[in-house]
Amino acid sequence: MTTAPVLRVEDLHVWFEIDGGELHAVQGVGFDLHAGERMGLVGESGCGKTTTILALMGLLPSSASVALANFERAVICSLLPCVTASSASPPWYSSLNTRLATSTCASTVG
C-alpha cells in the first residue's frame, strides 16, 4: 500500500509581467515528497530552482503570478524547518566529479 505524500506539487507555473509581456519562469513543475524522503532541485543556473521554492513559500514579488493545482501552503510552511538552500557555487564545487551519476553523489554525501 502506498502512503500519501506529505507534499505534492502539481503543474506549477510562475510568470512575471515584464515590459507589457510575460516571462514564463517555471512551467509545469511537479513532484511528490513522502515522509522520510530527501529531495533536491538540481539544474542549470536560471532554470527556476529558486523561483520554484519561493513560489511554494509565497515569497515571490507582487509582479509574479503563480498557478498551482492541489496545493496547501500550510504544508510547505510546516516543512520550512527542514528546507535549506545552498549556493550555486559552494566551496566544494571545484572538487565535484561531474562524471558521477546524481544518485552516486547523493549516496556518498547523505
C-alpha atoms as a PDB file:
ATOM      1  CA  MET A   1       0.000   0.000   0.000  1.00  0.00           C
ATOM      2  CA  THR A   2       1.395   3.382  -0.998  1.00  0.00           C
ATOM      3  CA  THR A   3       1.253   6.222   1.525  1.00  0.00           C
ATOM      4  CA  ALA A   4       0.173   9.694   0.540  1.00  0.00           C
ATOM      5  CA  PRO A   5       2.978  12.233   0.056  1.00  0.00           C
ATOM      6  CA  VAL A   6       3.499  14.893   2.718  1.00  0.00           C
ATOM      7  CA  LEU A   7       3.967  17.383  -0.124  1.00  0.00           C
ATOM      8  CA  ARG A   8       2.556  17.150  -3.632  1.00  0.00           C
ATOM      9  CA  VAL A   9       3.215  19.848  -6.213  1.00  0.00           C
ATOM     10  CA  GLU A  10       1.336  19.512  -9.484  1.00  0.00           C
ATOM     11  CA  ASP A  11       1.676  21.612 -12.616  1.00  0.00           C
ATOM     12  CA  LEU A  12       3.396  24.639 -11.064  1.00  0.00           C
ATOM     13  CA  HIS A  13       3.654  27.650 -13.360  1.00  0.00           C
ATOM     14  CA  VAL A  14       5.235  31.008 -12.484  1.00  0.00           C
ATOM     15  CA  TRP A  15       5.401  34.018 -14.733  1.00  0.00           C
ATOM     16  CA  PHE A  16       6.348  37.657 -14.355  1.00  0.00           C
ATOM     17  CA  GLU A  17       4.846  40.718 -16.046  1.00  0.00           C
ATOM     18  CA  ILE A  18       7.765  42.487 -17.710  1.00  0.00           C
ATOM     19  CA  ASP A  19       7.515  45.440 -20.099  1.00  0.00           C
ATOM     20  CA  GLY A  20       3.926  44.659 -21.053  1.00  0.00           C
ATOM     21  CA  GLY A  21       4.698  40.987 -21.713  1.00  0.00           C
ATOM     22  CA  GLU A  22       5.062  37.789 -19.756  1.00  0.00           C
ATOM     23  CA  LEU A  23       8.232  35.943 -18.811  1.00  0.00           C
ATOM     24  CA  HIS A  24       7.457  32.291 -18.045  1.00  0.00           C
ATOM     25  CA  ALA A  25       9.989  31.358 -15.362  1.00  0.00           C
ATOM     26  CA  VAL A  26       8.634  27.941 -14.314  1.00  0.00           C
ATOM     27  CA  GLN A  27       6.436  25.746 -16.472  1.00  0.00           C
ATOM     28  CA  GLY A  28       4.696  22.550 -15.382  1.00  0.00           C
ATOM     29  CA  VAL A  29       6.863  21.544 -12.407  1.00  0.00           C
ATOM     30  CA  GLY A  30       5.538  18.701 -10.283  1.00  0.00           C
ATOM     31  CA  PHE A  31       6.849  16.335  -7.625  1.00  0.00           C
ATOM     32  CA  ASP A  32       5.838  14.277  -4.602  1.00  0.00           C
ATOM     33  CA  LEU A  33       7.737  14.208  -1.339  1.00  0.00           C
ATOM     34  CA  HIS A  34       6.999  11.329   1.029  1.00  0.00           C
ATOM     35  CA  ALA A  35       7.733  11.111   4.753  1.00  0.00           C
ATOM     36  CA  GLY A  36      11.402  10.364   5.373  1.00  0.00           C
ATOM     37  CA  GLU A  37      12.491  11.338   1.867  1.00  0.00           C
ATOM     38  CA  ARG A  38      15.003  14.000   0.898  1.00  0.00           C
ATOM     39  CA  MET A  39      14.744  15.944  -2.305  1.00  0.00           C
ATOM     40  CA  GLY A  40      16.984  18.382  -4.105  1.00  0.00           C
ATOM     41  CA  LEU A  41      16.222  20.649  -7.026  1.00  0.00           C
ATOM     42  CA  VAL A  42      19.127  20.463  -9.423  1.00  0.00           C
ATOM     43  CA  GLY A  43      19.578  22.329 -12.671  1.00  0.00           C
ATOM     44  CA  GLU A  44      21.443  24.917 -14.633  1.00  0.00           C
ATOM     45  CA  SER A  45      21.704  28.495 -13.476  1.00  0.00           C
ATOM     46  CA  GLY A  46      18.474  30.334 -14.238  1.00  0.00           C
ATOM     47  CA  CYS A  47      16.333  27.225 -14.736  1.00  0.00           C
ATOM     48  CA  GLY A  48      13.824  28.100 -11.972  1.00  0.00           C
ATOM     49  CA  LYS A  49      15.028  26.248  -8.862  1.00  0.00           C
ATOM     50  CA  THR A  50      14.852  29.272  -6.565  1.00  0.00           C
ATOM     51  CA  THR A  51      11.669  30.593  -8.183  1.00  0.00           C
ATOM     52  CA  THR A  52      10.002  27.216  -7.575  1.00  0.00           C
ATOM     53  CA  ILE A  53      10.818  27.229  -3.865  1.00  0.00           C
ATOM     54  CA  LEU A  54       9.925  30.909  -3.409  1.00  0.00           C
ATOM     55  CA  ALA A  55       6.581  30.308  -5.154  1.00  0.00           C
ATOM     56  CA  LEU A  56       5.764  27.416  -2.835  1.00  0.00           C
ATOM     57  CA  MET A  57       6.628  29.521   0.223  1.00  0.00           C
ATOM     58  CA  GLY A  58       4.634  32.514  -1.051  1.00  0.00           C
ATOM     59  CA  LEU A  59       7.685  34.768  -1.136  1.00  0.00           C
ATOM     60  CA  LEU A  60       7.663  35.982  -4.744  1.00  0.00           C
ATOM     61  CA  PRO A  61       7.289  39.699  -5.503  1.00  0.00           C
ATOM     62  CA  SER A  62       3.888  41.098  -6.481  1.00  0.00           C
ATOM     63  CA  SER A  63       4.980  41.140 -10.137  1.00  0.00           C
ATOM     64  CA  ALA A  64       4.795  37.335 -10.128  1.00  0.00           C
ATOM     65  CA  SER A  65       1.759  35.207 -10.921  1.00  0.00           C
ATOM     66  CA  VAL A  66       1.526  31.618  -9.731  1.00  0.00           C
ATOM     67  CA  ALA A  67      -0.762  28.837 -10.961  1.00  0.00           C
ATOM     68  CA  LEU A  68      -0.704  25.630  -8.973  1.00  0.00           C
ATOM     69  CA  ALA A  69      -3.136  22.737  -8.670  1.00  0.00           C
ATOM     70  CA  ASN A  70      -3.836  20.809  -5.451  1.00  0.00           C
ATOM     71  CA  PHE A  71      -1.501  22.608  -3.081  1.00  0.00           C
ATOM     72  CA  GLU A  72      -1.835  23.625   0.556  1.00  0.00           C
ATOM     73  CA  ARG A  73       0.568  26.385   1.594  1.00  0.00           C
ATOM     74  CA  ALA A  74       0.256  25.271   5.227  1.00  0.00           C
ATOM     75  CA  VAL A  75       2.023  22.032   4.289  1.00  0.00           C
ATOM     76  CA  ILE A  76       5.150  23.747   2.930  1.00  0.00           C
ATOM     77  CA  CYS A  77       5.150  26.174   5.866  1.00  0.00           C
ATOM     78  CA  SER A  78       5.180  23.234   8.282  1.00  0.00           C
ATOM     79  CA  LEU A  79       8.176  21.836   6.375  1.00  0.00           C
ATOM     80  CA  LEU A  80      10.199  25.092   6.446  1.00  0.00           C
ATOM     81  CA  PRO A  81      12.426  23.981   9.332  1.00  0.00           C
ATOM     82  CA  CYS A  82      13.538  21.141   7.041  1.00  0.00           C
ATOM     83  CA  VAL A  83      14.167  23.312   3.958  1.00  0.00           C
ATOM     84  CA  THR A  84      17.656  24.507   3.214  1.00  0.00           C
ATOM     85  CA  ALA A  85      19.229  26.284   0.287  1.00  0.00           C
ATOM     86  CA  SER A  86      22.767  26.032  -0.942  1.00  0.00           C
ATOM     87  CA  SER A  87      24.861  28.294  -3.100  1.00  0.00           C
ATOM     88  CA  ALA A  88      25.214  27.606  -6.797  1.00  0.00           C
ATOM     89  CA  SER A  89      28.972  27.558  -6.254  1.00  0.00           C
ATOM     90  CA  PRO A  90      29.682  26.086  -2.828  1.00  0.00           C
ATOM     91  CA  PRO A  91      33.346  25.805  -1.767  1.00  0.00           C
ATOM     92  CA  TRP A  92      33.482  22.097  -2.611  1.00  0.00           C
ATOM     93  CA  TYR A  93      32.109  22.652  -6.133  1.00  0.00           C
ATOM     94  CA  SER A  94      35.506  22.568  -7.808  1.00  0.00           C
ATOM     95  CA  SER A  95      36.089  19.068  -6.440  1.00  0.00           C
ATOM     96  CA  LEU A  96      32.706  17.692  -7.596  1.00  0.00           C
ATOM     97  CA  ASN A  97      33.190  14.848 -10.034  1.00  0.00           C
ATOM     98  CA  THR A  98      30.688  15.675 -12.795  1.00  0.00           C
ATOM     99  CA  ARG A  99      31.145  12.225 -14.326  1.00  0.00           C
ATOM    100  CA  LEU A 100      29.330  10.559 -11.413  1.00  0.00           C
ATOM    101  CA  ALA A 101      25.594   9.949 -11.557  1.00  0.00           C
ATOM    102  CA  THR A 102      23.493  12.114  -9.257  1.00  0.00           C
ATOM    103  CA  SER A 103      22.388   9.035  -7.314  1.00  0.00           C
ATOM    104  CA  THR A 104      26.025   8.112  -6.701  1.00  0.00           C
ATOM    105  CA  CYS A 105      26.857  11.607  -5.447  1.00  0.00           C
ATOM    106  CA  ALA A 106      23.786  11.711  -3.184  1.00  0.00           C
ATOM    107  CA  SER A 107      24.532   8.344  -1.637  1.00  0.00           C
ATOM    108  CA  THR A 108      28.100   9.353  -0.760  1.00  0.00           C
ATOM    109  CA  VAL A 109      27.044  12.717   0.728  1.00  0.00           C
ATOM    110  CA  GLY A 110      23.953  11.803   2.731  1.00  0.00           C
END
